[in-house]
Amino acid sequence: MKIKILLFAIILIIGEISVGQTVLMHEKISDYDFDVPKRGPNFRHFTHLFVGFAFYIPEGSKNEISCVYGASSSFSVGYRYKFKISNIFALGASLNYTNDIFSIKQNKDKTFPNSMQHKKEKMRFNSFGNDLFVRINMGKRGNVIGRFIDLGAYYNWVFVARHVYKDHIRTNQTVVRSSGKQKVVLSDLDYITRFHYGIRGRMGINRFILTATYRLSGLLNDKNSPLFLPKLNIGLEIGLHK
């Protein structure tokens, strides 16, 4: 009798154990538990908008056209793609619109685009372009951009170029006496080039980036003149992302 009771108890214990156990090989696990996200600031693919502003810095060369420092600038807005290769390296490309403004200094030494002096005179270049770059990431970070350095090159197409100048007009005649301001805008300029290229570097932390761009080609197509507009600009860029 005792043996039968003991066997019955053992059977009950084994039954409880078998019911309480879960076979992990048969349980369906969500793919999310294993898949790493493919898009994000520190994942394989990342895209974002950006806006930037920079000032042209004079080199001091005798062939450089004298421009007003602080009034000669470059504004840009664009779309950037980054492809992560490793925790350290990434490749990227950007498409952008750029508006370059050169404020020509008015003095007795002025020769470009002519020797006439005005109240204000500017050259404006509106361009579409792209750049390619290699990104070097620095330090540990989560799913954020973090600290980085970009080294690359750009190529721009000038679709509109304008020569703009302003003057104060004063007329003192017997019949007509008047004064005012005159603004002249010249387009379809035959002395500019439609394509230019150069090198570009960026150093940033997350959204905030210091930029430096140096144009290697000329904006003027007069092969008989060594004159050139300022080539170097330095500024700030802001990534429009979290």
Protein backbone atom coordinates (compact mmCIF):
# COMPACT_ATOMS: atom_id res chain seq x y z
CA MET A 1 0.00 0.00 0.00
CA LYS A 2 2.81 2.40 0.93
CA ILE A 3 4.56 1.60 -2.36
CA LYS A 4 1.41 2.48 -4.35
CA ILE A 5 1.04 5.79 -2.51
CA LEU A 6 4.72 6.62 -3.12
CA LEU A 7 4.43 5.84 -6.86
CA PHE A 8 1.28 7.98 -7.10
CA ALA A 9 3.07 10.92 -5.45
CA ILE A 10 6.04 10.62 -7.80
CA ILE A 11 3.71 10.63 -10.84
CA LEU A 12 2.01 13.81 -9.60
CA ILE A 13 5.35 15.60 -9.07
CA ILE A 14 6.59 14.66 -12.56
CA GLY A 15 3.34 15.88 -14.08
CA GLU A 16 3.62 19.26 -12.34
CA ILE A 17 7.21 19.71 -13.53
CA SER A 18 6.36 18.85 -17.15
CA VAL A 19 3.43 21.28 -17.21
CA GLY A 20 5.42 24.11 -15.59
CA GLN A 21 8.36 23.92 -18.04
CA THR A 22 8.43 25.96 -21.30
CA VAL A 23 10.29 24.74 -24.36
CA LEU A 24 12.20 27.80 -25.55
CA MET A 25 12.87 26.36 -29.01
CA HIS A 26 9.14 26.36 -29.66
CA GLU A 27 8.44 29.92 -28.49
CA LYS A 28 8.02 32.61 -31.16
CA ILE A 29 10.35 35.55 -30.51
CA SER A 30 9.79 38.96 -32.10
CA ASP A 31 12.21 39.99 -34.85
CA TYR A 32 12.65 43.31 -33.04
CA ASP A 33 14.61 41.49 -30.31
CA PHE A 34 17.40 40.75 -32.79
CA ASP A 35 17.24 43.38 -35.59
CA VAL A 36 19.39 46.48 -35.20
CA PRO A 37 17.66 49.62 -36.59
CA LYS A 38 19.08 50.63 -39.98
CA ARG A 39 18.26 54.36 -39.83
CA GLY A 40 19.33 56.89 -37.24
CA PRO A 41 22.13 59.33 -36.35
CA ASN A 42 24.51 56.52 -35.41
CA PHE A 43 23.13 53.68 -37.54
CA ARG A 44 23.82 52.55 -41.10
CA HIS A 45 21.79 55.24 -42.90
CA PHE A 46 21.03 58.80 -41.83
CA THR A 47 19.64 61.81 -43.71
CA HIS A 48 18.86 65.36 -42.62
CA LEU A 49 18.46 68.96 -43.76
CA PHE A 50 21.00 71.64 -42.88
CA VAL A 51 21.49 75.40 -43.13
CA GLY A 52 24.77 77.28 -43.09
CA PHE A 53 26.27 80.76 -43.17
CA ALA A 54 29.90 81.77 -43.70
CA PHE A 55 32.04 84.87 -44.23
CA TYR A 56 34.70 85.20 -46.91
CA ILE A 57 38.18 85.74 -45.53
CA PRO A 58 40.70 87.77 -47.61
CA GLU A 59 44.04 86.15 -48.37
CA GLY A 60 45.88 89.42 -48.97
CA SER A 61 47.15 88.44 -52.41
CA LYS A 62 47.84 91.31 -54.84
CA ASN A 63 45.63 89.59 -57.44
CA GLU A 64 42.71 89.15 -55.05
CA ILE A 65 39.81 91.54 -55.70
CA SER A 66 39.36 93.71 -52.61
CA CYS A 67 36.03 93.01 -50.91
CA VAL A 68 34.37 94.40 -47.82
CA TYR A 69 35.06 92.06 -44.92
CA GLY A 70 31.85 91.11 -43.10
CA ALA A 71 29.66 92.00 -46.09
CA SER A 72 30.99 89.20 -48.32
CA SER A 73 29.27 85.99 -47.34
CA SER A 74 27.89 82.61 -48.33
CA PHE A 75 24.47 81.22 -47.38
CA SER A 76 23.57 77.58 -48.03
CA VAL A 77 20.74 75.16 -47.40
CA GLY A 78 20.76 71.49 -48.32
CA TYR A 79 20.11 67.80 -47.74
CA ARG A 80 22.79 65.39 -46.47
CA TYR A 81 23.13 61.58 -46.49
CA LYS A 82 25.56 59.62 -44.29
CA PHE A 83 26.46 55.93 -44.69
CA LYS A 84 28.11 54.33 -41.67
CA ILE A 85 31.03 52.00 -42.44
CA SER A 86 32.28 51.42 -38.91
CA ASN A 87 32.23 53.09 -35.51
CA ILE A 88 35.01 55.38 -36.74
CA PHE A 89 34.43 55.93 -40.47
CA ALA A 90 31.45 56.98 -42.60
CA LEU A 91 30.90 58.22 -46.15
CA GLY A 92 28.47 60.91 -47.17
CA ALA A 93 27.10 63.24 -49.82
CA SER A 94 25.12 66.48 -49.86
CA LEU A 95 22.93 68.40 -52.29
CA ASN A 96 22.68 72.12 -51.68
CA TYR A 97 21.71 75.57 -52.85
CA THR A 98 24.28 78.32 -52.23
CA ASN A 99 24.10 82.11 -52.48
CA ASP A 100 27.55 83.76 -52.58
CA ILE A 101 27.79 87.55 -52.19
CA PHE A 102 30.97 89.55 -52.77
CA SER A 103 30.81 93.22 -51.72
CA ILE A 104 33.36 95.02 -53.90
CA LYS A 105 35.44 97.63 -52.05
CA GLN A 106 35.19 101.09 -53.62
CA ASN A 107 38.54 102.92 -53.84
CA LYS A 108 40.93 104.42 -56.36
CA ASP A 109 42.62 101.04 -56.93
CA LYS A 110 39.39 99.34 -58.04
CA THR A 111 39.60 97.68 -61.47
CA PHE A 112 36.92 94.95 -61.30
CA PRO A 113 34.55 94.74 -63.05
CA ASN A 114 35.55 98.27 -64.06
CA SER A 115 37.12 101.33 -62.44
CA MET A 116 33.83 103.17 -61.79
CA GLN A 117 33.09 103.75 -58.12
CA HIS A 118 29.61 103.38 -56.62
CA LYS A 119 27.92 103.79 -53.28
CA LYS A 120 27.64 100.00 -53.04
CA GLU A 121 28.61 97.25 -55.47
CA LYS A 122 28.14 93.49 -55.23
CA MET A 123 28.57 90.30 -57.21
CA ARG A 124 25.93 87.63 -56.49
CA PHE A 125 26.25 83.96 -57.46
CA ASN A 126 23.34 81.53 -57.05
CA SER A 127 24.43 77.91 -57.33
CA PHE A 128 23.26 74.33 -57.07
CA GLY A 129 25.88 71.79 -56.09
CA ASN A 130 26.92 68.69 -54.25
CA ASP A 131 29.78 67.49 -52.10
CA LEU A 132 31.29 64.14 -51.18
CA PHE A 133 33.03 63.54 -47.88
CA VAL A 134 34.68 61.07 -45.52
CA ARG A 135 33.62 61.35 -41.88
CA ILE A 136 35.90 60.47 -38.98
CA ASN A 137 33.98 59.92 -35.74
CA MET A 138 35.61 60.59 -32.39
CA GLY A 139 34.74 59.30 -28.93
CA LYS A 140 31.95 57.11 -27.63
CA ARG A 141 28.32 57.97 -28.32
CA GLY A 142 24.84 56.46 -28.38
CA ASN A 143 22.34 57.01 -31.16
CA VAL A 144 23.52 60.60 -31.73
CA ILE A 145 25.87 62.24 -34.23
CA GLY A 146 28.50 62.96 -31.58
CA ARG A 147 31.88 64.51 -32.40
CA PHE A 148 33.27 64.24 -35.92
CA ILE A 149 35.46 65.67 -38.68
CA ASP A 150 34.44 65.72 -42.36
CA LEU A 151 36.97 65.97 -45.21
CA GLY A 152 35.66 66.33 -48.74
CA ALA A 153 35.25 68.19 -52.02
CA TYR A 154 32.42 70.04 -53.74
CA TYR A 155 31.28 70.93 -57.27
CA ASN A 156 28.83 73.80 -57.98
CA TRP A 157 26.88 75.03 -60.99
CA VAL A 158 26.14 78.78 -61.13
CA PHE A 159 22.65 79.12 -62.60
CA VAL A 160 22.29 82.87 -61.92
CA ALA A 161 25.02 85.50 -61.59
CA ARG A 162 24.31 89.21 -61.12
CA HIS A 163 26.32 92.41 -60.87
CA VAL A 164 24.46 94.88 -58.63
CA TYR A 165 25.38 98.45 -57.77
CA LYS A 166 23.66 101.39 -56.05
CA ASP A 167 24.25 105.12 -56.31
CA HIS A 168 22.84 108.37 -54.94
CA ILE A 169 21.53 110.50 -57.79
CA ARG A 170 21.44 114.28 -57.51
CA THR A 171 20.26 116.58 -60.28
CA ASN A 172 20.42 120.37 -59.95
CA GLN A 173 19.28 121.99 -63.14
CA THR A 174 17.25 125.09 -64.00
CA VAL A 175 14.18 123.12 -65.03
CA VAL A 176 14.53 119.87 -63.02
CA ARG A 177 15.83 119.55 -59.47
CA SER A 178 15.70 116.08 -57.88
CA SER A 179 17.62 113.57 -55.79
CA GLY A 180 17.23 109.90 -55.03
CA LYS A 181 18.78 106.43 -55.18
CA GLN A 182 19.47 104.29 -58.21
CA LYS A 183 19.88 100.51 -58.23
CA VAL A 184 21.17 98.69 -61.31
CA VAL A 185 21.09 94.91 -61.73
CA LEU A 186 23.09 93.35 -64.58
CA SER A 187 22.66 89.69 -65.53
CA ASP A 188 23.81 87.38 -68.36
CA LEU A 189 27.38 88.28 -67.48
CA ASP A 190 29.91 87.07 -70.02
CA TYR A 191 32.94 87.24 -67.71
CA ILE A 192 31.94 84.58 -65.14
CA THR A 193 32.27 80.78 -65.23
CA ARG A 194 29.28 78.50 -64.72
CA PHE A 195 31.09 75.75 -62.82
CA HIS A 196 33.52 75.84 -59.93
CA TYR A 197 34.92 73.34 -57.43
CA GLY A 198 36.97 73.17 -54.26
CA ILE A 199 37.67 71.43 -50.97
CA ARG A 200 35.64 71.54 -47.77
CA GLY A 201 36.17 70.59 -44.13
CA ARG A 202 33.75 70.39 -41.23
CA MET A 203 34.21 69.83 -37.50
CA GLY A 204 31.10 69.34 -35.41
CA ILE A 205 29.35 68.19 -32.29
CA ASN A 206 25.87 66.84 -32.97
CA ARG A 207 23.90 69.63 -34.70
CA PHE A 208 26.50 72.39 -34.55
CA ILE A 209 29.30 72.45 -37.11
CA LEU A 210 32.23 74.72 -37.97
CA THR A 211 32.90 74.81 -41.72
CA ALA A 212 35.76 75.90 -43.96
CA THR A 213 35.52 75.96 -47.77
CA TYR A 214 38.30 76.80 -50.23
CA ARG A 215 37.54 77.29 -53.92
CA LEU A 216 40.19 75.80 -56.19
CA SER A 217 38.79 77.09 -59.48
CA GLY A 218 38.02 80.63 -60.59
CA LEU A 219 34.64 82.37 -60.82
CA LEU A 220 35.91 84.64 -63.61
CA ASN A 221 36.68 83.43 -67.11
CA ASP A 222 39.01 86.21 -68.22
CA LYS A 223 42.16 84.24 -68.97
CA ASN A 224 44.08 87.44 -69.64
CA SER A 225 43.54 88.70 -66.07
CA PRO A 226 45.02 87.12 -62.94
CA LEU A 227 42.35 88.73 -60.71
CA PHE A 228 40.16 86.48 -58.56
CA LEU A 229 37.39 86.85 -56.00
CA PRO A 230 38.08 85.66 -52.41
CA LYS A 231 38.34 81.87 -52.21
CA LEU A 232 38.20 81.02 -48.49
CA ASN A 233 35.09 81.18 -46.33
CA ILE A 234 34.64 80.10 -42.71
CA GLY A 235 31.31 79.76 -40.95
CA LEU A 236 28.74 77.83 -38.98
CA GLU A 237 26.32 75.12 -40.06
CA ILE A 238 23.32 73.74 -38.16
CA GLY A 239 21.88 70.29 -38.80
CA LEU A 240 18.08 70.29 -38.73
CA HIS A 241 17.71 67.10 -36.73
CA LYS A 242 17.36 66.04 -33.09
